Amino acid sequence: MNCDNTKRAYSHNEFINLDFDISDYEFNDEPGTFDGTLIVKKWGRKKNVIAYVDLDDGRKIICVAYQNNDYLGLPDMAMGAKVRLTYIIGVRSGKVRLTAVECIG
């Protein structure tokens, strides 16, 4: 799968109509770099993009990117694309946060 996208992200209603099961997905709480597959993404209600990614290590995670950093490019990546996610511990908050998303295939 390439990195070019045909749909930037699903709207809230479109996402509900997909009947996509999010019950296995959790927020990542580990800093580091992880490879996986971008399964589906939707527009959030707080000027954000919410992506569901199946990591190569078997975990299923929820990624959130915000408008202030151009959504880390997530809207331009195709669902089904291989991605590399980078998480760091925020200096001020002390919480793990997504800082980079790279399409790797």
PDB file of N, CA and C in Angstrom:
ATOM      1  N   MET A   1       0.855  -1.173   0.000  1.00  0.00           N
ATOM      2  CA  MET A   1       0.000   0.000   0.000  1.00  0.00           C
ATOM      3  C   MET A   1       0.893   1.224   0.000  1.00  0.00           C
ATOM      4  N   ASN A   2       0.536   2.190  -0.813  1.00  0.00           N
ATOM      5  CA  ASN A   2       1.356   3.400  -0.850  1.00  0.00           C
ATOM      6  C   ASN A   2       0.868   4.424   0.169  1.00  0.00           C
ATOM      7  N   CYS A   3       1.507   5.566   0.182  1.00  0.00           N
ATOM      8  CA  CYS A   3       1.198   6.587   1.180  1.00  0.00           C
ATOM      9  C   CYS A   3       0.189   7.608   0.684  1.00  0.00           C
ATOM     10  N   ASP A   4      -0.163   7.576  -0.574  1.00  0.00           N
ATOM     11  CA  ASP A   4      -1.132   8.530  -1.100  1.00  0.00           C
ATOM     12  C   ASP A   4      -2.515   8.195  -0.576  1.00  0.00           C
ATOM     13  N   ASN A   5      -3.280   9.227  -0.288  1.00  0.00           N
ATOM     14  CA  ASN A   5      -4.583   9.034   0.341  1.00  0.00           C
ATOM     15  C   ASN A   5      -5.714   9.416  -0.605  1.00  0.00           C
ATOM     16  N   THR A   6      -6.807   8.704  -0.537  1.00  0.00           N
ATOM     17  CA  THR A   6      -7.991   9.078  -1.289  1.00  0.00           C
ATOM     18  C   THR A   6      -9.027   9.723  -0.378  1.00  0.00           C
ATOM     19  N   LYS A   7      -9.020   9.390   0.889  1.00  0.00           N
ATOM     20  CA  LYS A   7      -9.937   9.991   1.864  1.00  0.00           C
ATOM     21  C   LYS A   7      -9.097  10.459   3.037  1.00  0.00           C
ATOM     22  N   ARG A   8      -9.199  11.736   3.364  1.00  0.00           N
ATOM     23  CA  ARG A   8      -8.368  12.285   4.446  1.00  0.00           C
ATOM     24  C   ARG A   8      -8.700  11.648   5.789  1.00  0.00           C
ATOM     25  N   ALA A   9      -9.969  11.563   6.128  1.00  0.00           N
ATOM     26  CA  ALA A   9     -10.422  10.903   7.363  1.00  0.00           C
ATOM     27  C   ALA A   9     -11.944  10.863   7.324  1.00  0.00           C
ATOM     28  N   TYR A  10     -12.524   9.922   8.030  1.00  0.00           N
ATOM     29  CA  TYR A  10     -13.973   9.817   8.085  1.00  0.00           C
ATOM     30  C   TYR A  10     -14.554  10.857   9.043  1.00  0.00           C
ATOM     31  N   SER A  11     -15.735  11.322   8.731  1.00  0.00           N
ATOM     32  CA  SER A  11     -16.463  12.175   9.664  1.00  0.00           C
ATOM     33  C   SER A  11     -16.973  11.300  10.805  1.00  0.00           C
ATOM     34  N   HIS A  12     -17.470  11.919  11.851  1.00  0.00           N
ATOM     35  CA  HIS A  12     -18.003  11.164  12.991  1.00  0.00           C
ATOM     36  C   HIS A  12     -19.109  10.209  12.540  1.00  0.00           C
ATOM     37  N   ASN A  13     -20.055  10.710  11.750  1.00  0.00           N
ATOM     38  CA  ASN A  13     -21.172   9.873  11.289  1.00  0.00           C
ATOM     39  C   ASN A  13     -20.703   8.766  10.344  1.00  0.00           C
ATOM     40  N   GLU A  14     -19.786   9.084   9.444  1.00  0.00           N
ATOM     41  CA  GLU A  14     -19.257   8.054   8.543  1.00  0.00           C
ATOM     42  C   GLU A  14     -18.561   6.951   9.341  1.00  0.00           C
ATOM     43  N   PHE A  15     -17.823   7.354  10.366  1.00  0.00           N
ATOM     44  CA  PHE A  15     -17.110   6.387  11.195  1.00  0.00           C
ATOM     45  C   PHE A  15     -18.082   5.459  11.918  1.00  0.00           C
ATOM     46  N   ILE A  16     -19.148   6.025  12.456  1.00  0.00           N
ATOM     47  CA  ILE A  16     -20.166   5.207  13.134  1.00  0.00           C
ATOM     48  C   ILE A  16     -20.769   4.199  12.158  1.00  0.00           C
ATOM     49  N   ASN A  17     -21.020   4.633  10.933  1.00  0.00           N
ATOM     50  CA  ASN A  17     -21.608   3.751   9.925  1.00  0.00           C
ATOM     51  C   ASN A  17     -20.655   2.633   9.483  1.00  0.00           C
ATOM     52  N   LEU A  18     -19.361   2.811   9.719  1.00  0.00           N
ATOM     53  CA  LEU A  18     -18.397   1.746   9.393  1.00  0.00           C
ATOM     54  C   LEU A  18     -18.574   0.533  10.287  1.00  0.00           C
ATOM     55  N   ASP A  19     -19.132   0.755  11.474  1.00  0.00           N
ATOM     56  CA  ASP A  19     -19.287  -0.308  12.464  1.00  0.00           C
ATOM     57  C   ASP A  19     -17.926  -0.906  12.825  1.00  0.00           C
ATOM     58  N   PHE A  20     -16.927  -0.033  12.958  1.00  0.00           N
ATOM     59  CA  PHE A  20     -15.566  -0.432  13.295  1.00  0.00           C
ATOM     60  C   PHE A  20     -15.467  -0.658  14.799  1.00  0.00           C
ATOM     61  N   ASP A  21     -14.956  -1.809  15.202  1.00  0.00           N
ATOM     62  CA  ASP A  21     -14.863  -2.163  16.613  1.00  0.00           C
ATOM     63  C   ASP A  21     -13.589  -1.565  17.211  1.00  0.00           C
ATOM     64  N   ILE A  22     -13.736  -0.589  18.107  1.00  0.00           N
ATOM     65  CA  ILE A  22     -12.582   0.059  18.719  1.00  0.00           C
ATOM     66  C   ILE A  22     -12.219  -0.542  20.080  1.00  0.00           C
ATOM     67  N   SER A  23     -12.922  -1.575  20.500  1.00  0.00           N
ATOM     68  CA  SER A  23     -12.757  -2.099  21.855  1.00  0.00           C
ATOM     69  C   SER A  23     -11.359  -2.656  22.140  1.00  0.00           C
ATOM     70  N   ASP A  24     -10.622  -3.088  21.126  1.00  0.00           N
ATOM     71  CA  ASP A  24      -9.278  -3.635  21.333  1.00  0.00           C
ATOM     72  C   ASP A  24      -8.185  -2.566  21.312  1.00  0.00           C
ATOM     73  N   TYR A  25      -8.552  -1.321  21.020  1.00  0.00           N
ATOM     74  CA  TYR A  25      -7.571  -0.252  20.860  1.00  0.00           C
ATOM     75  C   TYR A  25      -7.411   0.541  22.150  1.00  0.00           C
ATOM     76  N   GLU A  26      -6.149   0.870  22.474  1.00  0.00           N
ATOM     77  CA  GLU A  26      -5.828   1.643  23.668  1.00  0.00           C
ATOM     78  C   GLU A  26      -4.821   2.729  23.303  1.00  0.00           C
ATOM     79  N   PHE A  27      -4.742   3.749  24.153  1.00  0.00           N
ATOM     80  CA  PHE A  27      -3.730   4.775  23.958  1.00  0.00           C
ATOM     81  C   PHE A  27      -2.369   4.204  24.337  1.00  0.00           C
ATOM     82  N   ASN A  28      -1.353   4.586  23.585  1.00  0.00           N
ATOM     83  CA  ASN A  28       0.003   4.135  23.857  1.00  0.00           C
ATOM     84  C   ASN A  28       0.551   4.868  25.085  1.00  0.00           C
ATOM     85  N   ASP A  29       1.232   4.144  25.960  1.00  0.00           N
ATOM     86  CA  ASP A  29       1.824   4.781  27.138  1.00  0.00           C
ATOM     87  C   ASP A  29       3.326   4.539  27.225  1.00  0.00           C
ATOM     88  N   GLU A  30       3.942   4.159  26.093  1.00  0.00           N
ATOM     89  CA  GLU A  30       5.381   3.890  26.052  1.00  0.00           C
ATOM     90  C   GLU A  30       6.064   4.859  25.090  1.00  0.00           C
ATOM     91  N   PRO A  31       7.141   5.523  25.520  1.00  0.00           N
ATOM     92  CA  PRO A  31       7.908   6.317  24.560  1.00  0.00           C
ATOM     93  C   PRO A  31       8.673   5.381  23.635  1.00  0.00           C
ATOM     94  N   GLY A  32       8.972   5.856  22.436  1.00  0.00           N
ATOM     95  CA  GLY A  32       9.737   5.066  21.486  1.00  0.00           C
ATOM     96  C   GLY A  32       9.207   5.214  20.081  1.00  0.00           C
ATOM     97  N   THR A  33       9.770   4.423  19.193  1.00  0.00           N
ATOM     98  CA  THR A  33       9.365   4.418  17.784  1.00  0.00           C
ATOM     99  C   THR A  33       8.779   3.053  17.468  1.00  0.00           C
ATOM    100  N   PHE A  34       7.623   3.069  16.831  1.00  0.00           N
ATOM    101  CA  PHE A  34       6.884   1.841  16.566  1.00  0.00           C
ATOM    102  C   PHE A  34       6.395   1.816  15.125  1.00  0.00           C
ATOM    103  N   ASP A  35       6.478   0.668  14.479  1.00  0.00           N
ATOM    104  CA  ASP A  35       5.963   0.485  13.125  1.00  0.00           C
ATOM    105  C   ASP A  35       4.630  -0.251  13.195  1.00  0.00           C
ATOM    106  N   GLY A  36       3.750   0.083  12.247  1.00  0.00           N
ATOM    107  CA  GLY A  36       2.455  -0.573  12.203  1.00  0.00           C
ATOM    108  C   GLY A  36       1.702  -0.226  10.946  1.00  0.00           C
ATOM    109  N   THR A  37       0.424  -0.569  10.937  1.00  0.00           N
ATOM    110  CA  THR A  37      -0.454  -0.311   9.795  1.00  0.00           C
ATOM    111  C   THR A  37      -1.568   0.616  10.226  1.00  0.00           C
ATOM    112  N   LEU A  38      -1.745   1.693   9.464  1.00  0.00           N
ATOM    113  CA  LEU A  38      -2.822   2.645   9.702  1.00  0.00           C
ATOM    114  C   LEU A  38      -4.129   2.010   9.227  1.00  0.00           C
ATOM    115  N   ILE A  39      -4.991   1.646  10.156  1.00  0.00           N
ATOM    116  CA  ILE A  39      -6.205   0.920   9.806  1.00  0.00           C
ATOM    117  C   ILE A  39      -7.325   1.864   9.378  1.00  0.00           C
ATOM    118  N   VAL A  40      -7.631   2.836  10.219  1.00  0.00           N
ATOM    119  CA  VAL A  40      -8.707   3.773   9.906  1.00  0.00           C
ATOM    120  C   VAL A  40      -8.441   5.066  10.674  1.00  0.00           C
ATOM    121  N   LYS A  41      -8.991   6.166  10.171  1.00  0.00           N
ATOM    122  CA  LYS A  41      -8.834   7.459  10.846  1.00  0.00           C
ATOM    123  C   LYS A  41     -10.106   8.265  10.697  1.00  0.00           C
ATOM    124  N   LYS A  42     -10.329   9.113  11.689  1.00  0.00           N
ATOM    125  CA  LYS A  42     -11.532   9.946  11.670  1.00  0.00           C
ATOM    126  C   LYS A  42     -11.194  11.323  12.203  1.00  0.00           C
ATOM    127  N   TRP A  43     -12.036  12.274  11.859  1.00  0.00           N
ATOM    128  CA  TRP A  43     -11.907  13.612  12.406  1.00  0.00           C
ATOM    129  C   TRP A  43     -12.483  13.602  13.816  1.00  0.00           C
ATOM    130  N   GLY A  44     -11.756  14.185  14.740  1.00  0.00           N
ATOM    131  CA  GLY A  44     -12.234  14.309  16.111  1.00  0.00           C
ATOM    132  C   GLY A  44     -13.027  15.586  16.289  1.00  0.00           C
ATOM    133  N   ARG A  45     -13.525  15.777  17.473  1.00  0.00           N
ATOM    134  CA  ARG A  45     -14.356  16.946  17.759  1.00  0.00           C
ATOM    135  C   ARG A  45     -13.555  18.136  18.267  1.00  0.00           C
ATOM    136  N   LYS A  46     -12.268  17.963  18.482  1.00  0.00           N
ATOM    137  CA  LYS A  46     -11.440  19.039  19.037  1.00  0.00           C
ATOM    138  C   LYS A  46     -10.343  19.446  18.056  1.00  0.00           C
ATOM    139  N   LYS A  47     -10.712  19.592  16.781  1.00  0.00           N
ATOM    140  CA  LYS A  47      -9.755  19.952  15.735  1.00  0.00           C
ATOM    141  C   LYS A  47      -8.573  18.984  15.746  1.00  0.00           C
ATOM    142  N   ASN A  48      -8.899  17.694  15.746  1.00  0.00           N
ATOM    143  CA  ASN A  48      -7.867  16.668  15.758  1.00  0.00           C
ATOM    144  C   ASN A  48      -8.220  15.539  14.800  1.00  0.00           C
ATOM    145  N   VAL A  49      -7.244  14.678  14.585  1.00  0.00           N
ATOM    146  CA  VAL A  49      -7.443  13.446  13.821  1.00  0.00           C
ATOM    147  C   VAL A  49      -7.147  12.291  14.767  1.00  0.00           C
ATOM    148  N   ILE A  50      -8.035  11.323  14.762  1.00  0.00           N
ATOM    149  CA  ILE A  50      -7.877  10.132  15.581  1.00  0.00           C
ATOM    150  C   ILE A  50      -7.636   8.961  14.640  1.00  0.00           C
ATOM    151  N   ALA A  51      -6.510   8.278  14.855  1.00  0.00           N
ATOM    152  CA  ALA A  51      -6.146   7.156  13.987  1.00  0.00           C
ATOM    153  C   ALA A  51      -6.047   5.880  14.811  1.00  0.00           C
ATOM    154  N   TYR A  52      -6.441   4.790  14.200  1.00  0.00           N
ATOM    155  CA  TYR A  52      -6.363   3.465  14.814  1.00  0.00           C
ATOM    156  C   TYR A  52      -5.287   2.694  14.058  1.00  0.00           C
ATOM    157  N   VAL A  53      -4.269   2.259  14.802  1.00  0.00           N
ATOM    158  CA  VAL A  53      -3.099   1.637  14.188  1.00  0.00           C
ATOM    159  C   VAL A  53      -2.849   0.270  14.820  1.00  0.00           C
ATOM    160  N   ASP A  54      -2.635  -0.726  13.965  1.00  0.00           N
ATOM    161  CA  ASP A  54      -2.221  -2.056  14.418  1.00  0.00           C
ATOM    162  C   ASP A  54      -0.702  -2.104  14.350  1.00  0.00           C
ATOM    163  N   LEU A  55      -0.046  -2.152  15.507  1.00  0.00           N
ATOM    164  CA  LEU A  55       1.414  -2.185  15.539  1.00  0.00           C
ATOM    165  C   LEU A  55       1.933  -3.561  15.162  1.00  0.00           C
ATOM    166  N   ASP A  56       3.140  -3.586  14.638  1.00  0.00           N
ATOM    167  CA  ASP A  56       3.767  -4.850  14.241  1.00  0.00           C
ATOM    168  C   ASP A  56       3.996  -5.772  15.434  1.00  0.00           C
ATOM    169  N   ASP A  57       4.059  -5.195  16.655  1.00  0.00           N
ATOM    170  CA  ASP A  57       4.269  -6.030  17.845  1.00  0.00           C
ATOM    171  C   ASP A  57       2.967  -6.642  18.373  1.00  0.00           C
ATOM    172  N   GLY A  58       1.854  -6.407  17.652  1.00  0.00           N
ATOM    173  CA  GLY A  58       0.574  -7.007  18.016  1.00  0.00           C
ATOM    174  C   GLY A  58      -0.371  -6.093  18.775  1.00  0.00           C
ATOM    175  N   ARG A  59       0.137  -4.975  19.299  1.00  0.00           N
ATOM    176  CA  ARG A  59      -0.735  -4.050  20.007  1.00  0.00           C
ATOM    177  C   ARG A  59      -1.581  -3.252  19.029  1.00  0.00           C
ATOM    178  N   LYS A  60      -2.710  -2.802  19.501  1.00  0.00           N
ATOM    179  CA  LYS A  60      -3.614  -1.957  18.720  1.00  0.00           C
ATOM    180  C   LYS A  60      -3.738  -0.649  19.485  1.00  0.00           C
ATOM    181  N   ILE A  61      -3.329   0.458  18.835  1.00  0.00           N
ATOM    182  CA  ILE A  61      -3.306   1.723  19.548  1.00  0.00           C
ATOM    183  C   ILE A  61      -4.117   2.812  18.852  1.00  0.00           C
ATOM    184  N   ILE A  62      -4.480   3.800  19.659  1.00  0.00           N
ATOM    185  CA  ILE A  62      -5.173   4.997  19.186  1.00  0.00           C
ATOM    186  C   ILE A  62      -4.148   6.119  19.160  1.00  0.00           C
ATOM    187  N   CYS A  63      -4.060   6.810  18.036  1.00  0.00           N
ATOM    188  CA  CYS A  63      -3.149   7.947  17.882  1.00  0.00           C
ATOM    189  C   CYS A  63      -3.981   9.206  17.704  1.00  0.00           C
ATOM    190  N   VAL A  64      -3.544  10.284  18.313  1.00  0.00           N
ATOM    191  CA  VAL A  64      -4.244  11.556  18.170  1.00  0.00           C
ATOM    192  C   VAL A  64      -3.243  12.611  17.728  1.00  0.00           C
ATOM    193  N   ALA A  65      -3.599  13.356  16.680  1.00  0.00           N
ATOM    194  CA  ALA A  65      -2.768  14.449  16.184  1.00  0.00           C
ATOM    195  C   ALA A  65      -3.644  15.689  16.038  1.00  0.00           C
ATOM    196  N   TYR A  66      -3.038  16.844  16.310  1.00  0.00           N
ATOM    197  CA  TYR A  66      -3.800  18.089  16.361  1.00  0.00           C
ATOM    198  C   TYR A  66      -3.445  19.050  15.236  1.00  0.00           C
ATOM    199  N   GLN A  67      -4.360  19.969  15.001  1.00  0.00           N
ATOM    200  CA  GLN A  67      -4.246  20.956  13.936  1.00  0.00           C
ATOM    201  C   GLN A  67      -2.997  21.824  14.092  1.00  0.00           C
ATOM    202  N   ASN A  68      -2.596  22.138  15.323  1.00  0.00           N
ATOM    203  CA  ASN A  68      -1.482  23.060  15.529  1.00  0.00           C
ATOM    204  C   ASN A  68      -0.152  22.543  14.980  1.00  0.00           C
ATOM    205  N   ASN A  69      -0.037  21.264  14.725  1.00  0.00           N
ATOM    206  CA  ASN A  69       1.179  20.722  14.103  1.00  0.00           C
ATOM    207  C   ASN A  69       0.844  20.009  12.788  1.00  0.00           C
ATOM    208  N   ASP A  70      -0.163  20.540  12.095  1.00  0.00           N
ATOM    209  CA  ASP A  70      -0.604  20.024  10.793  1.00  0.00           C
ATOM    210  C   ASP A  70      -0.963  18.546  10.862  1.00  0.00           C
ATOM    211  N   TYR A  71      -1.495  18.129  12.001  1.00  0.00           N
ATOM    212  CA  TYR A  71      -1.959  16.752  12.216  1.00  0.00           C
ATOM    213  C   TYR A  71      -0.867  15.712  11.988  1.00  0.00           C
ATOM    214  N   LEU A  72       0.395  16.155  12.026  1.00  0.00           N
ATOM    215  CA  LEU A  72       1.554  15.273  11.803  1.00  0.00           C
ATOM    216  C   LEU A  72       1.476  14.549  10.458  1.00  0.00           C
ATOM    217  N   GLY A  73       0.692  15.109   9.532  1.00  0.00           N
ATOM    218  CA  GLY A  73       0.575  14.515   8.203  1.00  0.00           C
ATOM    219  C   GLY A  73      -0.404  13.361   8.095  1.00  0.00           C
ATOM    220  N   LEU A  74      -1.055  12.979   9.188  1.00  0.00           N
ATOM    221  CA  LEU A  74      -1.967  11.825   9.171  1.00  0.00           C
ATOM    222  C   LEU A  74      -3.072  11.915   8.119  1.00  0.00           C
ATOM    223  N   PRO A  75      -3.706  13.082   7.917  1.00  0.00           N
ATOM    224  CA  PRO A  75      -4.784  13.110   6.924  1.00  0.00           C
ATOM    225  C   PRO A  75      -4.331  12.762   5.507  1.00  0.00           C
ATOM    226  N   ASP A  76      -3.048  12.940   5.223  1.00  0.00           N
ATOM    227  CA  ASP A  76      -2.540  12.677   3.874  1.00  0.00           C
ATOM    228  C   ASP A  76      -2.013  11.260   3.684  1.00  0.00           C
ATOM    229  N   MET A  77      -2.102  10.438   4.722  1.00  0.00           N
ATOM    230  CA  MET A  77      -1.639   9.055   4.627  1.00  0.00           C
ATOM    231  C   MET A  77      -2.814   8.115   4.389  1.00  0.00           C
ATOM    232  N   ALA A  78      -2.608   7.180   3.509  1.00  0.00           N
ATOM    233  CA  ALA A  78      -3.678   6.261   3.126  1.00  0.00           C
ATOM    234  C   ALA A  78      -3.965   5.254   4.226  1.00  0.00           C
ATOM    235  N   MET A  79      -5.232   4.973   4.425  1.00  0.00           N
ATOM    236  CA  MET A  79      -5.604   3.893   5.323  1.00  0.00           C
ATOM    237  C   MET A  79      -5.079   2.595   4.714  1.00  0.00           C
ATOM    238  N   GLY A  80      -4.427   1.792   5.512  1.00  0.00           N
ATOM    239  CA  GLY A  80      -3.777   0.578   5.034  1.00  0.00           C
ATOM    240  C   GLY A  80      -2.283   0.753   4.838  1.00  0.00           C
ATOM    241  N   ALA A  81      -1.783   1.985   4.935  1.00  0.00           N
ATOM    242  CA  ALA A  81      -0.354   2.250   4.747  1.00  0.00           C
ATOM    243  C   ALA A  81       0.442   1.822   5.973  1.00  0.00           C
ATOM    244  N   LYS A  82       1.689   1.437   5.750  1.00  0.00           N
ATOM    245  CA  LYS A  82       2.620   1.164   6.843  1.00  0.00           C
ATOM    246  C   LYS A  82       3.122   2.508   7.356  1.00  0.00           C
ATOM    247  N   VAL A  83       3.139   2.659   8.682  1.00  0.00           N
ATOM    248  CA  VAL A  83       3.557   3.919   9.289  1.00  0.00           C
ATOM    249  C   VAL A  83       4.571   3.664  10.399  1.00  0.00           C
ATOM    250  N   ARG A  84       5.359   4.691  10.670  1.00  0.00           N
ATOM    251  CA  ARG A  84       6.289   4.676  11.801  1.00  0.00           C
ATOM    252  C   ARG A  84       5.882   5.817  12.726  1.00  0.00           C
ATOM    253  N   LEU A  85       5.576   5.482  13.966  1.00  0.00           N
ATOM    254  CA  LEU A  85       5.100   6.441  14.957  1.00  0.00           C
ATOM    255  C   LEU A  85       6.195   6.697  15.978  1.00  0.00           C
ATOM    256  N   THR A  86       6.381   7.952  16.336  1.00  0.00           N
ATOM    257  CA  THR A  86       7.364   8.304  17.363  1.00  0.00           C
ATOM    258  C   THR A  86       6.650   8.975  18.522  1.00  0.00           C
ATOM    259  N   TYR A  87       6.890   8.436  19.706  1.00  0.00           N
ATOM    260  CA  TYR A  87       6.310   8.962  20.944  1.00  0.00           C
ATOM    261  C   TYR A  87       7.431   9.401  21.871  1.00  0.00           C
ATOM    262  N   ILE A  88       7.221  10.520  22.555  1.00  0.00           N
ATOM    263  CA  ILE A  88       8.160  10.991  23.561  1.00  0.00           C
ATOM    264  C   ILE A  88       7.392  11.321  24.836  1.00  0.00           C
ATOM    265  N   ILE A  89       8.138  11.507  25.907  1.00  0.00           N
ATOM    266  CA  ILE A  89       7.534  11.989  27.145  1.00  0.00           C
ATOM    267  C   ILE A  89       7.605  13.506  27.116  1.00  0.00           C
ATOM    268  N   GLY A  90       6.461  14.171  27.212  1.00  0.00           N
ATOM    269  CA  GLY A  90       6.405  15.624  27.180  1.00  0.00           C
ATOM    270  C   GLY A  90       7.133  16.229  28.362  1.00  0.00           C
ATOM    271  N   VAL A  91       7.910  17.277  28.111  1.00  0.00           N
ATOM    272  CA  VAL A  91       8.704  17.919  29.149  1.00  0.00           C
ATOM    273  C   VAL A  91       7.802  18.525  30.221  1.00  0.00           C
ATOM    274  N   ARG A  92       6.788  19.246  29.803  1.00  0.00           N
ATOM    275  CA  ARG A  92       5.914  19.917  30.771  1.00  0.00           C
ATOM    276  C   ARG A  92       4.917  18.966  31.426  1.00  0.00           C
ATOM    277  N   SER A  93       4.290  18.142  30.609  1.00  0.00           N
ATOM    278  CA  SER A  93       3.210  17.297  31.118  1.00  0.00           C
ATOM    279  C   SER A  93       3.699  15.998  31.753  1.00  0.00           C
ATOM    280  N   GLY A  94       4.840  15.503  31.284  1.00  0.00           N
ATOM    281  CA  GLY A  94       5.323  14.215  31.759  1.00  0.00           C
ATOM    282  C   GLY A  94       4.557  13.040  31.173  1.00  0.00           C
ATOM    283  N   LYS A  95       3.675  13.326  30.213  1.00  0.00           N
ATOM    284  CA  LYS A  95       2.864  12.276  29.580  1.00  0.00           C
ATOM    285  C   LYS A  95       3.459  11.887  28.231  1.00  0.00           C
ATOM    286  N   VAL A  96       3.216  10.656  27.836  1.00  0.00           N
ATOM    287  CA  VAL A  96       3.663  10.180  26.530  1.00  0.00           C
ATOM    288  C   VAL A  96       2.772  10.786  25.459  1.00  0.00           C
ATOM    289  N   ARG A  97       3.419  11.360  24.430  1.00  0.00           N
ATOM    290  CA  ARG A  97       2.644  11.973  23.344  1.00  0.00           C
ATOM    291  C   ARG A  97       3.269  11.670  21.991  1.00  0.00           C
ATOM    292  N   LEU A  98       2.394  11.615  20.999  1.00  0.00           N
ATOM    293  CA  LEU A  98       2.812  11.368  19.619  1.00  0.00           C
ATOM    294  C   LEU A  98       3.482  12.624  19.076  1.00  0.00           C
ATOM    295  N   THR A  99       4.694  12.479  18.524  1.00  0.00           N
ATOM    296  CA  THR A  99       5.413  13.636  17.994  1.00  0.00           C
ATOM    297  C   THR A  99       5.712  13.541  16.507  1.00  0.00           C
ATOM    298  N   ALA A 100       5.656  12.343  15.932  1.00  0.00           N
ATOM    299  CA  ALA A 100       5.943  12.209  14.501  1.00  0.00           C
ATOM    300  C   ALA A 100       5.262  10.977  13.943  1.00  0.00           C
ATOM    301  N   VAL A 101       4.814  11.121  12.697  1.00  0.00           N
ATOM    302  CA  VAL A 101       4.242  10.004  11.954  1.00  0.00           C
ATOM    303  C   VAL A 101       4.885  10.022  10.578  1.00  0.00           C
ATOM    304  N   GLU A 102       5.448   8.902  10.186  1.00  0.00           N
ATOM    305  CA  GLU A 102       6.116   8.784   8.894  1.00  0.00           C
ATOM    306  C   GLU A 102       5.500   7.618   8.133  1.00  0.00           C
ATOM    307  N   CYS A 103       5.165   7.854   6.887  1.00  0.00           N
ATOM    308  CA  CYS A 103       4.670   6.780   6.035  1.00  0.00           C
ATOM    309  C   CYS A 103       5.863   6.012   5.487  1.00  0.00           C
ATOM    310  N   ILE A 104       5.907   4.716   5.732  1.00  0.00           N
ATOM    311  CA  ILE A 104       7.049   3.916   5.309  1.00  0.00           C
ATOM    312  C   ILE A 104       6.683   2.890   4.230  1.00  0.00           C
ATOM    313  N   GLY A 105       5.468   2.996   3.713  1.00  0.00           N
ATOM    314  CA  GLY A 105       5.083   2.089   2.629  1.00  0.00           C
ATOM    315  C   GLY A 105       3.632   1.753   2.620  1.00  0.00           C
TER     316      GLY A 105
END
